[in-house]
Amino acid sequence: MARVSQEHLDARRRQILDGAAVCFARNGFHATSMQDVLKEVDLSAGAVYRYFSGKEALIAAIVEEVLGQVRAGFEEAALSSPPPPPDVLVATVLGRILATKEFLTVDGRPAFPRLVVQVWTETLRNEELAAVLRDGYGAVQQTWGRIVQAYQDTGMMRSDVPADHVARTMMAAAMGFLAQQALFGPVSSEILQDGLRALMSVRDLPDGEHRVTTGGSQLG
């Protein structure tokens, strides 16, 4: 019997993960059965169970992979000195991840943002999955903390705000952008970049004064 190459094994595992991701994005975790996954990937039960013990293992693998991709993208940026500015960094990493998953669709729309929202929902009732998500989130947060520290060390960012606060905010921007895509449809990550750049351009006025220009008048 011919030996199965590692390349073949990796491709088969990828096929199963991608098929499961589409199923979960389409119907949610609870409404999706292993039979649904088997039908989606067009494989036998034995072929799938060779790689994953069941639905929970599939869910955990998908979550860990997504978090790993996010962490790797930001860690690569953290090695730059200085790192790219936040608007470029967040939009680039998020755009890259969305691009690698764009072939996964549900009803003609990208499946990945819907999958992410399904994951967040499931963590509210699944403590094991919640633990996986917390660990991944914590790792990404630490990476962002190092990036913010680099901004502050080079004078790119004010130093009187804790790095952790900035890290949480930038992660929230990325998570919110994904939620909008799941709810309202896909848009370019350049929109996120433009919005962050505009927010970054806001300047504090003397004595804590703030003005908003609207309709040609100033409110202060």
N, C-alpha and C. Protein backbone atom coordinates (compact mmCIF):
# COMPACT_ATOMS: atom_id res chain seq x y z
N MET A 1 0.85 -1.20 0.00
CA MET A 1 0.00 0.00 0.00
C MET A 1 0.88 1.25 0.00
N ALA A 2 0.58 2.16 -0.89
CA ALA A 2 1.38 3.38 -0.98
C ALA A 2 1.17 4.26 0.24
N ARG A 3 2.24 4.84 0.71
CA ARG A 3 2.17 5.73 1.87
C ARG A 3 1.53 7.05 1.46
N VAL A 4 0.71 7.59 2.35
CA VAL A 4 0.06 8.87 2.09
C VAL A 4 1.01 9.99 2.48
N SER A 5 1.23 10.93 1.59
CA SER A 5 2.18 12.00 1.86
C SER A 5 1.60 12.98 2.88
N GLN A 6 2.51 13.69 3.55
CA GLN A 6 2.09 14.70 4.51
C GLN A 6 1.32 15.81 3.81
N GLU A 7 1.71 16.09 2.59
CA GLU A 7 1.00 17.12 1.82
C GLU A 7 -0.47 16.72 1.62
N HIS A 8 -0.69 15.45 1.33
CA HIS A 8 -2.06 14.96 1.14
C HIS A 8 -2.84 15.04 2.45
N LEU A 9 -2.20 14.65 3.55
CA LEU A 9 -2.87 14.70 4.85
C LEU A 9 -3.24 16.14 5.22
N ASP A 10 -2.31 17.06 4.98
CA ASP A 10 -2.58 18.47 5.29
C ASP A 10 -3.72 19.02 4.43
N ALA A 11 -3.74 18.63 3.15
CA ALA A 11 -4.79 19.10 2.26
C ALA A 11 -6.15 18.55 2.68
N ARG A 12 -6.19 17.29 3.11
CA ARG A 12 -7.45 16.70 3.56
C ARG A 12 -7.95 17.38 4.84
N ARG A 13 -7.03 17.67 5.74
CA ARG A 13 -7.41 18.37 6.98
C ARG A 13 -7.95 19.75 6.65
N ARG A 14 -7.30 20.42 5.70
CA ARG A 14 -7.75 21.75 5.28
C ARG A 14 -9.15 21.67 4.67
N GLN A 15 -9.39 20.67 3.88
CA GLN A 15 -10.70 20.47 3.26
C GLN A 15 -11.79 20.31 4.33
N ILE A 16 -11.49 19.54 5.35
CA ILE A 16 -12.48 19.32 6.42
C ILE A 16 -12.73 20.60 7.22
N LEU A 17 -11.68 21.31 7.56
CA LEU A 17 -11.84 22.55 8.33
C LEU A 17 -12.63 23.59 7.54
N ASP A 18 -12.32 23.73 6.26
CA ASP A 18 -13.03 24.72 5.45
C ASP A 18 -14.50 24.35 5.29
N GLY A 19 -14.77 23.07 5.06
CA GLY A 19 -16.16 22.64 4.93
C GLY A 19 -16.94 22.83 6.22
N ALA A 20 -16.31 22.51 7.35
CA ALA A 20 -16.96 22.70 8.64
C ALA A 20 -17.22 24.18 8.90
N ALA A 21 -16.27 25.03 8.53
CA ALA A 21 -16.43 26.47 8.73
C ALA A 21 -17.64 26.99 7.98
N VAL A 22 -17.84 26.53 6.75
CA VAL A 22 -19.00 26.95 5.96
C VAL A 22 -20.29 26.48 6.64
N CYS A 23 -20.32 25.25 7.10
CA CYS A 23 -21.51 24.72 7.77
C CYS A 23 -21.84 25.52 9.03
N PHE A 24 -20.83 25.79 9.83
CA PHE A 24 -21.06 26.54 11.07
C PHE A 24 -21.51 27.96 10.79
N ALA A 25 -20.91 28.58 9.76
CA ALA A 25 -21.30 29.94 9.41
C ALA A 25 -22.73 29.98 8.90
N ARG A 26 -23.15 28.94 8.19
CA ARG A 26 -24.48 28.91 7.60
C ARG A 26 -25.57 28.68 8.66
N ASN A 27 -25.37 27.72 9.55
CA ASN A 27 -26.44 27.30 10.45
C ASN A 27 -26.13 27.42 11.93
N GLY A 28 -24.91 27.83 12.27
CA GLY A 28 -24.55 27.89 13.68
C GLY A 28 -24.04 26.54 14.16
N PHE A 29 -23.46 26.52 15.33
CA PHE A 29 -22.85 25.31 15.85
C PHE A 29 -23.88 24.26 16.26
N HIS A 30 -24.92 24.70 16.96
CA HIS A 30 -25.88 23.73 17.50
C HIS A 30 -26.74 23.09 16.42
N ALA A 31 -27.04 23.85 15.38
CA ALA A 31 -27.89 23.32 14.30
C ALA A 31 -27.09 22.53 13.28
N THR A 32 -25.78 22.50 13.42
CA THR A 32 -24.94 21.75 12.48
C THR A 32 -24.55 20.41 13.10
N SER A 33 -24.75 19.35 12.37
CA SER A 33 -24.37 18.01 12.82
C SER A 33 -23.13 17.55 12.07
N MET A 34 -22.53 16.51 12.57
CA MET A 34 -21.39 15.95 11.85
C MET A 34 -21.82 15.41 10.49
N GLN A 35 -23.06 14.97 10.37
CA GLN A 35 -23.56 14.53 9.07
C GLN A 35 -23.57 15.69 8.07
N ASP A 36 -23.89 16.88 8.56
CA ASP A 36 -23.85 18.06 7.69
C ASP A 36 -22.44 18.31 7.19
N VAL A 37 -21.48 18.16 8.09
CA VAL A 37 -20.08 18.37 7.71
C VAL A 37 -19.64 17.32 6.71
N LEU A 38 -20.00 16.07 6.95
CA LEU A 38 -19.63 14.99 6.04
C LEU A 38 -20.18 15.25 4.64
N LYS A 39 -21.42 15.72 4.58
CA LYS A 39 -22.04 16.02 3.29
C LYS A 39 -21.34 17.19 2.61
N GLU A 40 -20.98 18.20 3.38
CA GLU A 40 -20.33 19.40 2.82
C GLU A 40 -18.97 19.06 2.20
N VAL A 41 -18.20 18.22 2.89
CA VAL A 41 -16.84 17.90 2.42
C VAL A 41 -16.81 16.66 1.53
N ASP A 42 -17.95 15.97 1.45
CA ASP A 42 -18.07 14.78 0.59
C ASP A 42 -17.03 13.72 0.95
N LEU A 43 -16.96 13.43 2.25
CA LEU A 43 -16.05 12.40 2.75
C LEU A 43 -16.79 11.45 3.66
N SER A 44 -16.20 10.28 3.87
CA SER A 44 -16.80 9.31 4.78
C SER A 44 -16.55 9.70 6.23
N ALA A 45 -17.33 9.13 7.13
CA ALA A 45 -17.15 9.41 8.55
C ALA A 45 -15.75 9.02 9.00
N GLY A 46 -15.27 7.86 8.51
CA GLY A 46 -13.94 7.42 8.91
C GLY A 46 -12.85 8.38 8.48
N ALA A 47 -13.00 8.96 7.29
CA ALA A 47 -12.00 9.91 6.79
C ALA A 47 -11.94 11.16 7.65
N VAL A 48 -13.13 11.63 8.09
CA VAL A 48 -13.18 12.84 8.90
C VAL A 48 -12.72 12.57 10.33
N TYR A 49 -13.18 11.47 10.91
CA TYR A 49 -12.82 11.17 12.30
C TYR A 49 -11.36 10.80 12.45
N ARG A 50 -10.70 10.54 11.36
CA ARG A 50 -9.26 10.32 11.43
C ARG A 50 -8.54 11.58 11.89
N TYR A 51 -9.13 12.71 11.59
CA TYR A 51 -8.51 13.99 11.91
C TYR A 51 -9.13 14.67 13.13
N PHE A 52 -10.44 14.51 13.29
CA PHE A 52 -11.14 15.21 14.37
C PHE A 52 -12.10 14.24 15.06
N SER A 53 -12.09 14.29 16.38
CA SER A 53 -12.91 13.34 17.16
C SER A 53 -14.40 13.67 17.11
N GLY A 54 -14.74 14.89 16.72
CA GLY A 54 -16.14 15.26 16.66
C GLY A 54 -16.30 16.75 16.43
N LYS A 55 -17.52 17.22 16.60
CA LYS A 55 -17.83 18.61 16.30
C LYS A 55 -17.08 19.58 17.21
N GLU A 56 -16.96 19.23 18.49
CA GLU A 56 -16.27 20.12 19.42
C GLU A 56 -14.80 20.29 19.03
N ALA A 57 -14.19 19.20 18.58
CA ALA A 57 -12.79 19.28 18.16
C ALA A 57 -12.65 20.15 16.91
N LEU A 58 -13.61 20.06 16.01
CA LEU A 58 -13.60 20.90 14.82
C LEU A 58 -13.72 22.38 15.19
N ILE A 59 -14.65 22.67 16.09
CA ILE A 59 -14.85 24.06 16.51
C ILE A 59 -13.58 24.62 17.13
N ALA A 60 -12.99 23.85 18.05
CA ALA A 60 -11.77 24.32 18.73
C ALA A 60 -10.64 24.54 17.73
N ALA A 61 -10.51 23.65 16.75
CA ALA A 61 -9.44 23.78 15.77
C ALA A 61 -9.62 25.04 14.92
N ILE A 62 -10.86 25.33 14.54
CA ILE A 62 -11.14 26.52 13.74
C ILE A 62 -10.83 27.78 14.53
N VAL A 63 -11.26 27.81 15.79
CA VAL A 63 -11.01 28.98 16.63
C VAL A 63 -9.51 29.19 16.83
N GLU A 64 -8.79 28.13 17.15
CA GLU A 64 -7.35 28.26 17.38
C GLU A 64 -6.63 28.72 16.12
N GLU A 65 -7.07 28.24 14.97
CA GLU A 65 -6.43 28.64 13.72
C GLU A 65 -6.65 30.12 13.43
N VAL A 66 -7.87 30.58 13.60
CA VAL A 66 -8.17 31.99 13.34
C VAL A 66 -7.38 32.89 14.28
N LEU A 67 -7.38 32.56 15.56
CA LEU A 67 -6.63 33.37 16.53
C LEU A 67 -5.13 33.33 16.23
N GLY A 68 -4.65 32.18 15.78
CA GLY A 68 -3.24 32.07 15.43
C GLY A 68 -2.87 32.96 14.26
N GLN A 69 -3.76 33.03 13.27
CA GLN A 69 -3.50 33.90 12.12
C GLN A 69 -3.47 35.37 12.53
N VAL A 70 -4.40 35.76 13.38
CA VAL A 70 -4.43 37.14 13.85
C VAL A 70 -3.16 37.46 14.63
N ARG A 71 -2.81 36.57 15.55
CA ARG A 71 -1.61 36.79 16.36
C ARG A 71 -0.37 36.86 15.50
N ALA A 72 -0.24 35.97 14.53
CA ALA A 72 0.94 35.94 13.66
C ALA A 72 1.06 37.24 12.86
N GLY A 73 -0.09 37.75 12.39
CA GLY A 73 -0.06 38.99 11.62
C GLY A 73 0.44 40.17 12.43
N PHE A 74 -0.02 40.28 13.66
CA PHE A 74 0.40 41.38 14.51
C PHE A 74 1.83 41.18 15.03
N GLU A 75 2.21 39.93 15.30
CA GLU A 75 3.57 39.68 15.77
C GLU A 75 4.60 40.03 14.70
N GLU A 76 4.25 39.77 13.45
CA GLU A 76 5.15 40.15 12.36
C GLU A 76 5.35 41.66 12.34
N ALA A 77 4.25 42.39 12.55
CA ALA A 77 4.33 43.86 12.56
C ALA A 77 5.14 44.35 13.76
N ALA A 78 5.03 43.62 14.88
CA ALA A 78 5.73 44.04 16.10
C ALA A 78 7.24 43.97 15.94
N LEU A 79 7.71 43.20 14.97
CA LEU A 79 9.15 43.08 14.74
C LEU A 79 9.71 44.30 14.01
N SER A 80 8.82 45.08 13.37
CA SER A 80 9.28 46.28 12.66
C SER A 80 9.64 47.36 13.66
N SER A 81 10.57 48.21 13.29
CA SER A 81 10.98 49.28 14.18
C SER A 81 11.05 50.60 13.40
N PRO A 82 10.05 51.48 13.60
CA PRO A 82 8.84 51.26 14.41
C PRO A 82 7.80 50.47 13.63
N PRO A 83 6.78 49.95 14.32
CA PRO A 83 5.71 49.23 13.61
C PRO A 83 4.93 50.19 12.72
N PRO A 84 4.19 49.66 11.74
CA PRO A 84 3.32 50.53 10.93
C PRO A 84 2.31 51.22 11.84
N PRO A 85 1.83 52.41 11.48
CA PRO A 85 0.83 53.10 12.31
C PRO A 85 -0.42 52.24 12.47
N PRO A 86 -1.20 52.48 13.53
CA PRO A 86 -2.34 51.61 13.84
C PRO A 86 -3.34 51.44 12.71
N ASP A 87 -3.64 52.52 11.98
CA ASP A 87 -4.63 52.39 10.91
C ASP A 87 -4.16 51.43 9.82
N VAL A 88 -2.89 51.52 9.47
CA VAL A 88 -2.33 50.63 8.45
C VAL A 88 -2.23 49.21 8.99
N LEU A 89 -1.79 49.08 10.22
CA LEU A 89 -1.56 47.77 10.81
C LEU A 89 -2.84 46.96 10.92
N VAL A 90 -3.87 47.54 11.53
CA VAL A 90 -5.12 46.81 11.74
C VAL A 90 -5.76 46.44 10.40
N ALA A 91 -5.84 47.40 9.50
CA ALA A 91 -6.48 47.15 8.21
C ALA A 91 -5.72 46.12 7.39
N THR A 92 -4.39 46.17 7.44
CA THR A 92 -3.58 45.22 6.67
C THR A 92 -3.76 43.80 7.18
N VAL A 93 -3.64 43.62 8.49
CA VAL A 93 -3.78 42.27 9.06
C VAL A 93 -5.18 41.73 8.83
N LEU A 94 -6.18 42.54 9.10
CA LEU A 94 -7.56 42.09 8.92
C LEU A 94 -7.85 41.81 7.44
N GLY A 95 -7.38 42.69 6.55
CA GLY A 95 -7.59 42.48 5.13
C GLY A 95 -6.92 41.22 4.63
N ARG A 96 -5.75 40.91 5.16
CA ARG A 96 -5.04 39.70 4.74
C ARG A 96 -5.80 38.45 5.16
N ILE A 97 -6.32 38.46 6.39
CA ILE A 97 -7.07 37.30 6.88
C ILE A 97 -8.35 37.10 6.06
N LEU A 98 -9.06 38.19 5.81
CA LEU A 98 -10.29 38.10 5.01
C LEU A 98 -9.99 37.60 3.60
N ALA A 99 -8.86 38.01 3.05
CA ALA A 99 -8.51 37.59 1.69
C ALA A 99 -8.23 36.09 1.63
N THR A 100 -7.60 35.55 2.68
CA THR A 100 -7.29 34.12 2.67
C THR A 100 -8.54 33.27 2.82
N LYS A 101 -9.65 33.87 3.31
CA LYS A 101 -10.87 33.12 3.53
C LYS A 101 -11.98 33.50 2.55
N GLU A 102 -11.67 34.32 1.56
CA GLU A 102 -12.73 34.84 0.70
C GLU A 102 -13.39 33.78 -0.18
N PHE A 103 -12.73 32.65 -0.37
CA PHE A 103 -13.32 31.59 -1.18
C PHE A 103 -14.40 30.82 -0.42
N LEU A 104 -14.48 31.02 0.91
CA LEU A 104 -15.52 30.38 1.72
C LEU A 104 -16.74 31.30 1.74
N THR A 105 -17.84 30.84 1.15
CA THR A 105 -19.02 31.69 1.05
C THR A 105 -20.27 30.95 1.51
N VAL A 106 -21.24 31.74 1.95
CA VAL A 106 -22.58 31.25 2.30
C VAL A 106 -23.58 32.17 1.60
N ASP A 107 -24.37 31.61 0.72
CA ASP A 107 -25.35 32.39 -0.05
C ASP A 107 -24.69 33.56 -0.78
N GLY A 108 -23.50 33.31 -1.29
CA GLY A 108 -22.80 34.31 -2.07
C GLY A 108 -22.08 35.38 -1.27
N ARG A 109 -22.12 35.27 0.06
CA ARG A 109 -21.44 36.25 0.92
C ARG A 109 -20.33 35.56 1.69
N PRO A 110 -19.27 36.31 2.06
CA PRO A 110 -18.17 35.70 2.79
C PRO A 110 -18.64 35.00 4.06
N ALA A 111 -18.14 33.79 4.28
CA ALA A 111 -18.55 33.01 5.45
C ALA A 111 -17.78 33.39 6.70
N PHE A 112 -16.56 33.91 6.53
CA PHE A 112 -15.69 34.10 7.68
C PHE A 112 -16.27 35.06 8.73
N PRO A 113 -16.75 36.26 8.36
CA PRO A 113 -17.32 37.14 9.40
C PRO A 113 -18.49 36.50 10.14
N ARG A 114 -19.33 35.77 9.43
CA ARG A 114 -20.45 35.08 10.07
C ARG A 114 -19.94 34.01 11.03
N LEU A 115 -18.89 33.32 10.62
CA LEU A 115 -18.31 32.30 11.48
C LEU A 115 -17.78 32.91 12.77
N VAL A 116 -17.12 34.06 12.66
CA VAL A 116 -16.57 34.72 13.84
C VAL A 116 -17.68 35.07 14.83
N VAL A 117 -18.79 35.60 14.33
CA VAL A 117 -19.91 35.94 15.21
C VAL A 117 -20.49 34.69 15.85
N GLN A 118 -20.56 33.60 15.11
CA GLN A 118 -21.03 32.34 15.68
C GLN A 118 -20.11 31.87 16.80
N VAL A 119 -18.82 32.06 16.63
CA VAL A 119 -17.85 31.68 17.67
C VAL A 119 -18.09 32.50 18.93
N TRP A 120 -18.25 33.81 18.76
CA TRP A 120 -18.48 34.65 19.94
C TRP A 120 -19.74 34.22 20.68
N THR A 121 -20.79 33.90 19.94
CA THR A 121 -22.03 33.48 20.56
C THR A 121 -21.86 32.17 21.32
N GLU A 122 -21.13 31.24 20.71
CA GLU A 122 -20.95 29.93 21.33
C GLU A 122 -20.14 30.01 22.61
N THR A 123 -19.20 30.95 22.68
CA THR A 123 -18.37 31.05 23.89
C THR A 123 -19.19 31.46 25.11
N LEU A 124 -20.37 32.03 24.90
CA LEU A 124 -21.21 32.42 26.03
C LEU A 124 -21.82 31.21 26.72
N ARG A 125 -21.86 30.07 26.02
CA ARG A 125 -22.47 28.88 26.62
C ARG A 125 -21.51 27.69 26.70
N ASN A 126 -20.33 27.83 26.10
CA ASN A 126 -19.38 26.73 26.06
C ASN A 126 -18.10 27.17 26.76
N GLU A 127 -17.90 26.71 27.99
CA GLU A 127 -16.76 27.18 28.78
C GLU A 127 -15.43 26.73 28.20
N GLU A 128 -15.38 25.54 27.62
CA GLU A 128 -14.12 25.07 27.04
C GLU A 128 -13.71 25.95 25.85
N LEU A 129 -14.67 26.25 25.02
CA LEU A 129 -14.38 27.13 23.88
C LEU A 129 -14.04 28.54 24.37
N ALA A 130 -14.74 28.98 25.41
CA ALA A 130 -14.45 30.30 25.97
C ALA A 130 -13.01 30.38 26.47
N ALA A 131 -12.52 29.27 27.05
CA ALA A 131 -11.14 29.24 27.54
C ALA A 131 -10.15 29.35 26.38
N VAL A 132 -10.45 28.66 25.27
CA VAL A 132 -9.60 28.74 24.08
C VAL A 132 -9.57 30.18 23.56
N LEU A 133 -10.75 30.81 23.53
CA LEU A 133 -10.84 32.17 23.03
C LEU A 133 -10.11 33.15 23.95
N ARG A 134 -10.25 32.96 25.25
CA ARG A 134 -9.56 33.84 26.20
C ARG A 134 -8.05 33.75 26.05
N ASP A 135 -7.55 32.52 25.90
CA ASP A 135 -6.10 32.35 25.74
C ASP A 135 -5.61 33.03 24.47
N GLY A 136 -6.36 32.84 23.37
CA GLY A 136 -5.96 33.46 22.12
C GLY A 136 -6.06 34.97 22.17
N TYR A 137 -7.12 35.46 22.77
CA TYR A 137 -7.32 36.90 22.91
C TYR A 137 -6.20 37.50 23.75
N GLY A 138 -5.85 36.79 24.84
CA GLY A 138 -4.79 37.29 25.71
C GLY A 138 -3.46 37.37 24.99
N ALA A 139 -3.17 36.38 24.13
CA ALA A 139 -1.91 36.40 23.38
C ALA A 139 -1.87 37.56 22.39
N VAL A 140 -2.99 37.79 21.70
CA VAL A 140 -3.06 38.92 20.77
C VAL A 140 -2.94 40.24 21.52
N GLN A 141 -3.57 40.32 22.67
CA GLN A 141 -3.52 41.54 23.47
C GLN A 141 -2.09 41.84 23.92
N GLN A 142 -1.35 40.82 24.31
CA GLN A 142 0.04 41.02 24.71
C GLN A 142 0.88 41.52 23.53
N THR A 143 0.63 40.94 22.35
CA THR A 143 1.36 41.39 21.17
C THR A 143 1.06 42.85 20.87
N TRP A 144 -0.22 43.21 20.94
CA TRP A 144 -0.58 44.60 20.71
C TRP A 144 0.02 45.52 21.77
N GLY A 145 0.14 45.02 22.99
CA GLY A 145 0.77 45.82 24.04
C GLY A 145 2.21 46.16 23.69
N ARG A 146 2.92 45.19 23.10
CA ARG A 146 4.30 45.44 22.69
C ARG A 146 4.35 46.44 21.54
N ILE A 147 3.38 46.36 20.65
CA ILE A 147 3.33 47.30 19.54
C ILE A 147 3.11 48.72 20.05
N VAL A 148 2.16 48.86 20.98
CA VAL A 148 1.87 50.18 21.54
C VAL A 148 3.09 50.72 22.28
N GLN A 149 3.78 49.85 23.00
CA GLN A 149 4.99 50.29 23.71
C GLN A 149 6.02 50.80 22.72
N ALA A 150 6.11 50.16 21.56
CA ALA A 150 7.05 50.62 20.53
C ALA A 150 6.62 51.99 19.99
N TYR A 151 5.32 52.19 19.80
CA TYR A 151 4.82 53.51 19.39
C TYR A 151 5.25 54.57 20.39
N GLN A 152 5.05 54.25 21.66
CA GLN A 152 5.35 55.23 22.71
C GLN A 152 6.84 55.49 22.82
N ASP A 153 7.65 54.44 22.67
CA ASP A 153 9.10 54.60 22.79
C ASP A 153 9.66 55.48 21.68
N THR A 154 9.02 55.43 20.50
CA THR A 154 9.52 56.22 19.37
C THR A 154 8.82 57.57 19.26
N GLY A 155 7.93 57.88 20.20
CA GLY A 155 7.24 59.15 20.18
C GLY A 155 6.08 59.24 19.22
N MET A 156 5.67 58.10 18.63
CA MET A 156 4.54 58.10 17.70
C MET A 156 3.20 58.23 18.43
N MET A 157 3.19 57.86 19.70
CA MET A 157 1.94 57.85 20.46
C MET A 157 2.19 58.43 21.85
N ARG A 158 1.21 59.15 22.37
CA ARG A 158 1.33 59.71 23.71
C ARG A 158 1.55 58.58 24.71
N SER A 159 2.35 58.87 25.73
CA SER A 159 2.77 57.83 26.67
C SER A 159 1.98 57.83 27.97
N ASP A 160 0.99 58.73 28.10
CA ASP A 160 0.26 58.80 29.36
C ASP A 160 -0.99 57.91 29.37
N VAL A 161 -1.18 57.12 28.32
CA VAL A 161 -2.29 56.17 28.27
C VAL A 161 -1.72 54.77 28.35
N PRO A 162 -2.22 53.92 29.26
CA PRO A 162 -1.69 52.55 29.38
C PRO A 162 -1.75 51.80 28.06
N ALA A 163 -0.68 51.09 27.74
CA ALA A 163 -0.63 50.34 26.49
C ALA A 163 -1.77 49.34 26.38
N ASP A 164 -2.16 48.75 27.50
CA ASP A 164 -3.24 47.76 27.49
C ASP A 164 -4.55 48.38 27.05
N HIS A 165 -4.79 49.64 27.42
CA HIS A 165 -6.03 50.31 27.03
C HIS A 165 -6.08 50.52 25.51
N VAL A 166 -4.95 50.90 24.95
CA VAL A 166 -4.89 51.10 23.51
C VAL A 166 -5.05 49.76 22.79
N ALA A 167 -4.41 48.72 23.31
CA ALA A 167 -4.49 47.40 22.69
C ALA A 167 -5.93 46.92 22.65
N ARG A 168 -6.65 47.06 23.75
CA ARG A 168 -8.05 46.63 23.79
C ARG A 168 -8.91 47.41 22.79
N THR A 169 -8.63 48.69 22.67
CA THR A 169 -9.42 49.53 21.76
C THR A 169 -9.19 49.15 20.30
N MET A 170 -7.94 48.91 19.92
CA MET A 170 -7.66 48.55 18.54
C MET A 170 -8.22 47.18 18.20
N MET A 171 -8.17 46.26 19.15
CA MET A 171 -8.77 44.95 18.94
C MET A 171 -10.29 45.07 18.81
N ALA A 172 -10.87 45.96 19.60
CA ALA A 172 -12.32 46.18 19.51
C ALA A 172 -12.71 46.74 18.15
N ALA A 173 -11.87 47.59 17.59
CA ALA A 173 -12.15 48.14 16.25
C ALA A 173 -12.18 47.03 15.21
N ALA A 174 -11.22 46.12 15.29
CA ALA A 174 -11.18 45.01 14.34
C ALA A 174 -12.37 44.08 14.53
N MET A 175 -12.71 43.79 15.78
CA MET A 175 -13.84 42.90 16.06
C MET A 175 -15.16 43.53 15.61
N GLY A 176 -15.30 44.82 15.84
CA GLY A 176 -16.51 45.52 15.41
C GLY A 176 -16.65 45.54 13.90
N PHE A 177 -15.53 45.69 13.21
CA PHE A 177 -15.56 45.70 11.75
C PHE A 177 -16.01 44.35 11.20
N LEU A 178 -15.55 43.27 11.83
CA LEU A 178 -15.98 41.93 11.42
C LEU A 178 -17.48 41.74 11.68
N ALA A 179 -17.95 42.25 12.82
CA ALA A 179 -19.37 42.13 13.14
C ALA A 179 -20.22 42.88 12.12
N GLN A 180 -19.78 44.05 11.71
CA GLN A 180 -20.51 44.81 10.69
C GLN A 180 -20.57 44.04 9.37
N GLN A 181 -19.47 43.39 9.01
CA GLN A 181 -19.47 42.62 7.77
C GLN A 181 -20.45 41.45 7.85
N ALA A 182 -20.51 40.81 9.01
CA ALA A 182 -21.43 39.68 9.18
C ALA A 182 -22.89 40.15 9.09
N LEU A 183 -23.16 41.33 9.64
CA LEU A 183 -24.54 41.82 9.70
C LEU A 183 -24.99 42.51 8.42
N PHE A 184 -24.09 43.27 7.80
CA PHE A 184 -24.49 44.16 6.71
C PHE A 184 -23.84 43.85 5.36
N GLY A 185 -22.92 42.90 5.33
CA GLY A 185 -22.29 42.56 4.08
C GLY A 185 -20.85 43.04 3.99
N PRO A 186 -20.09 42.49 3.05
CA PRO A 186 -18.66 42.78 2.94
C PRO A 186 -18.36 44.19 2.43
N VAL A 187 -17.32 44.78 3.01
CA VAL A 187 -16.77 46.04 2.52
C VAL A 187 -15.25 45.94 2.63
N SER A 188 -14.56 46.81 1.93
CA SER A 188 -13.11 46.78 1.92
C SER A 188 -12.54 47.19 3.27
N SER A 189 -11.42 46.57 3.65
CA SER A 189 -10.75 46.94 4.89
C SER A 189 -10.16 48.35 4.80
N GLU A 190 -10.11 48.91 3.59
CA GLU A 190 -9.64 50.29 3.45
C GLU A 190 -10.57 51.27 4.16
N ILE A 191 -11.84 50.90 4.29
CA ILE A 191 -12.78 51.75 5.02
C ILE A 191 -12.37 51.85 6.49
N LEU A 192 -12.00 50.71 7.05
CA LEU A 192 -11.52 50.71 8.44
C LEU A 192 -10.26 51.54 8.56
N GLN A 193 -9.36 51.39 7.61
CA GLN A 193 -8.12 52.17 7.65
C GLN A 193 -8.39 53.66 7.57
N ASP A 194 -9.27 54.06 6.68
CA ASP A 194 -9.60 55.48 6.55
C ASP A 194 -10.22 56.02 7.83
N GLY A 195 -11.14 55.24 8.41
CA GLY A 195 -11.80 55.69 9.64
C GLY A 195 -10.83 55.85 10.78
N LEU A 196 -9.94 54.88 10.95
CA LEU A 196 -8.95 54.97 12.02
C LEU A 196 -7.99 56.14 11.79
N ARG A 197 -7.62 56.36 10.53
CA ARG A 197 -6.73 57.48 10.24
C ARG A 197 -7.39 58.80 10.60
N ALA A 198 -8.69 58.93 10.31
CA ALA A 198 -9.40 60.16 10.65
C ALA A 198 -9.46 60.36 12.16
N LEU A 199 -9.73 59.29 12.89
CA LEU A 199 -9.78 59.40 14.35
C LEU A 199 -8.41 59.75 14.91
N MET A 200 -7.36 59.21 14.31
CA MET A 200 -6.01 59.51 14.77
C MET A 200 -5.63 60.96 14.53
N SER A 201 -6.34 61.64 13.62
CA SER A 201 -6.00 63.02 13.29
C SER A 201 -6.61 64.02 14.26
N VAL A 202 -7.49 63.56 15.16
CA VAL A 202 -8.11 64.46 16.14
C VAL A 202 -7.04 64.98 17.09
N ARG A 203 -7.10 66.26 17.39
CA ARG A 203 -6.10 66.87 18.28
C ARG A 203 -6.79 67.48 19.49
N ASP A 204 -6.14 67.32 20.65
CA ASP A 204 -6.63 67.98 21.86
C ASP A 204 -6.39 69.48 21.75
N LEU A 205 -7.37 70.28 22.18
CA LEU A 205 -7.22 71.72 22.22
C LEU A 205 -6.76 72.14 23.62
N PRO A 206 -6.21 73.31 23.76
CA PRO A 206 -5.73 73.77 25.06
C PRO A 206 -6.82 73.73 26.13
N ASP A 207 -6.40 73.44 27.35
CA ASP A 207 -7.29 73.44 28.52
C ASP A 207 -8.44 72.44 28.38
N GLY A 208 -8.19 71.37 27.64
CA GLY A 208 -9.20 70.33 27.52
C GLY A 208 -10.41 70.74 26.69
N GLU A 209 -10.32 71.86 25.96
CA GLU A 209 -11.44 72.34 25.15
C GLU A 209 -11.59 71.48 23.90
N HIS A 210 -12.81 71.18 23.54
CA HIS A 210 -13.07 70.40 22.33
C HIS A 210 -14.11 71.13 21.49
N ARG A 211 -13.92 71.17 20.18
CA ARG A 211 -14.88 71.79 19.29
C ARG A 211 -15.27 70.81 18.21
N VAL A 212 -16.51 70.81 17.85
CA VAL A 212 -17.00 70.01 16.74
C VAL A 212 -17.56 70.97 15.71
N THR A 213 -17.04 70.88 14.50
CA THR A 213 -17.51 71.74 13.45
C THR A 213 -18.68 71.09 12.74
N THR A 214 -19.81 71.77 12.68
CA THR A 214 -20.99 71.19 12.04
C THR A 214 -21.78 72.29 11.36
N GLY A 215 -22.06 72.09 10.09
CA GLY A 215 -22.86 73.06 9.34
C GLY A 215 -22.25 74.44 9.32
N GLY A 216 -20.93 74.52 9.40
CA GLY A 216 -20.24 75.82 9.32
C GLY A 216 -20.13 76.51 10.66
N SER A 217 -20.70 75.95 11.72
CA SER A 217 -20.59 76.57 13.04
C SER A 217 -19.77 75.69 13.96
N GLN A 218 -19.25 76.29 15.01
CA GLN A 218 -18.45 75.56 15.97
C GLN A 218 -19.22 75.45 17.28
N LEU A 219 -19.19 74.25 17.84
CA LEU A 219 -19.80 74.03 19.15
C LEU A 219 -18.70 73.82 20.16
N GLY A 220 -18.71 74.53 21.27
CA GLY A 220 -17.61 74.35 22.20
C GLY A 220 -18.04 74.65 23.62
